[in-house]
Protein backbone atom coordinates (compact mmCIF):
# COMPACT_ATOMS: atom_id res chain seq x y z
CA MET A 1 116.43 60.78 107.31
CA THR A 2 118.49 60.72 110.43
CA GLN A 3 122.22 60.16 110.62
CA ARG A 4 121.69 56.66 111.99
CA GLU A 5 119.35 55.70 109.10
CA LEU A 6 121.87 56.95 106.55
CA GLU A 7 124.65 54.92 108.15
CA ARG A 8 122.59 51.74 107.78
CA LEU A 9 122.20 52.18 103.99
CA CYS A 10 124.57 50.36 101.65
CA THR A 11 126.84 52.28 99.30
CA ASP A 12 124.62 51.70 96.24
CA ASP A 13 121.57 53.04 98.08
CA LEU A 14 123.52 56.07 99.29
CA TRP A 15 124.78 56.74 95.77
CA SER A 16 121.25 56.46 94.41
CA LEU A 17 120.00 58.85 97.09
CA HIS A 18 122.83 61.25 96.25
CA ASN A 19 121.88 61.22 92.54
CA ASN A 20 118.20 61.79 93.34
CA ILE A 21 119.03 64.71 95.61
CA ALA A 22 121.36 66.22 92.98
CA THR A 23 118.62 65.96 90.32
CA VAL A 24 115.96 67.53 92.53
CA LEU A 25 118.33 70.27 93.65
CA GLU A 26 119.27 71.09 90.05
CA GLU A 27 115.60 71.38 89.06
CA LYS A 28 114.81 73.61 92.03
CA LEU A 29 117.78 75.86 91.27
CA LYS A 30 116.68 76.21 87.64
CA GLU A 31 113.16 77.13 88.75
CA GLU A 32 114.48 79.65 91.27
CA LYS A 33 116.74 81.21 88.64
CA ARG A 34 113.79 81.46 86.21
CA ARG A 35 111.64 83.18 88.86
CA LEU A 36 114.43 85.60 89.76
CA THR A 37 115.01 86.41 86.08
CA GLU A 38 111.30 87.15 85.61
CA ARG A 39 111.30 89.36 88.69
CA LEU A 40 114.36 91.26 87.48
CA GLU A 41 112.71 91.85 84.10
CA GLN A 42 109.62 93.20 85.86
CA LEU A 43 111.72 95.55 87.94
CA GLN A 44 113.60 96.80 84.89
CA ASP A 45 110.38 97.36 82.93
CA THR A 46 108.93 99.65 85.59
CA GLY A 47 110.47 102.86 84.38
CA ARG A 48 108.84 106.21 84.63
CA ARG A 49 105.16 106.22 84.00
CA PRO A 50 104.16 107.80 80.70
CA TYR A 51 103.03 111.39 81.01
CA PRO A 52 100.48 112.85 78.63
CA PRO A 53 101.70 115.61 76.35
CA VAL A 54 101.33 119.08 77.85
CA ASN A 55 100.45 122.14 75.79
CA PRO A 56 102.77 125.13 76.11
CA LYS A 57 101.62 127.98 78.37
CA TYR A 58 104.36 130.55 77.80
CA CYS A 59 105.99 131.90 74.67
CA ASN A 60 109.13 133.95 74.03
CA PRO A 61 107.96 137.08 72.16
CA GLU A 62 111.41 137.52 70.57
CA GLN A 63 111.51 133.89 69.36
CA PRO A 64 107.91 132.61 69.01
CA SER A 65 109.16 129.08 68.40
CA GLU A 66 110.53 128.98 71.98
CA LYS A 67 107.70 127.83 74.21
CA TRP A 68 107.43 126.42 77.72
CA SER A 69 104.69 124.33 79.32
CA GLY A 70 105.37 125.54 82.84
CA ARG A 71 106.82 122.17 83.86
CA GLY A 72 110.42 121.35 84.51
CA ARG A 73 113.27 123.78 84.53
CA THR A 74 112.48 127.40 83.61
CA PRO A 75 114.00 128.23 80.21
CA ARG A 76 116.86 130.73 80.03
CA TRP A 77 114.92 133.19 77.94
CA LEU A 78 112.20 133.40 80.61
CA VAL A 79 114.67 133.62 83.50
CA GLU A 80 116.38 136.56 81.78
CA GLN A 81 113.06 138.32 81.18
CA LEU A 82 111.98 137.83 84.80
CA LYS A 83 115.30 139.26 86.03
CA THR A 84 114.66 142.44 84.06
CA GLY A 85 111.38 143.02 85.90
CA HIS A 86 108.84 141.35 83.64
CA GLN A 87 106.04 139.26 85.11
CA ILE A 88 105.51 135.66 84.01
CA GLU A 89 101.90 136.41 83.02
CA GLU A 90 103.19 138.70 80.24
CA PHE A 91 104.42 135.61 78.39
CA ARG A 92 101.28 133.49 78.74
CA ILE A 93 99.88 132.21 75.46
């Protein structure tokens, strides 16, 4: 509606139009909020992808329970052994 058309309406018609617009706007805002909430939940659910379990490749001969798969940070026991001149292949399982 143009400005001129709105000026020609009586007060009751304008009030009715106002109420209709407020109702439609409220419904649209609720729908938009619902869609944004769903989108936020999707974004929060996308964490790291699950990695399959990896078998250990290296073992500490002094503590056989200490094992390393070769992924991630090198364990202290292996770093110390490598500093003393050992080769990583000596610790392969």
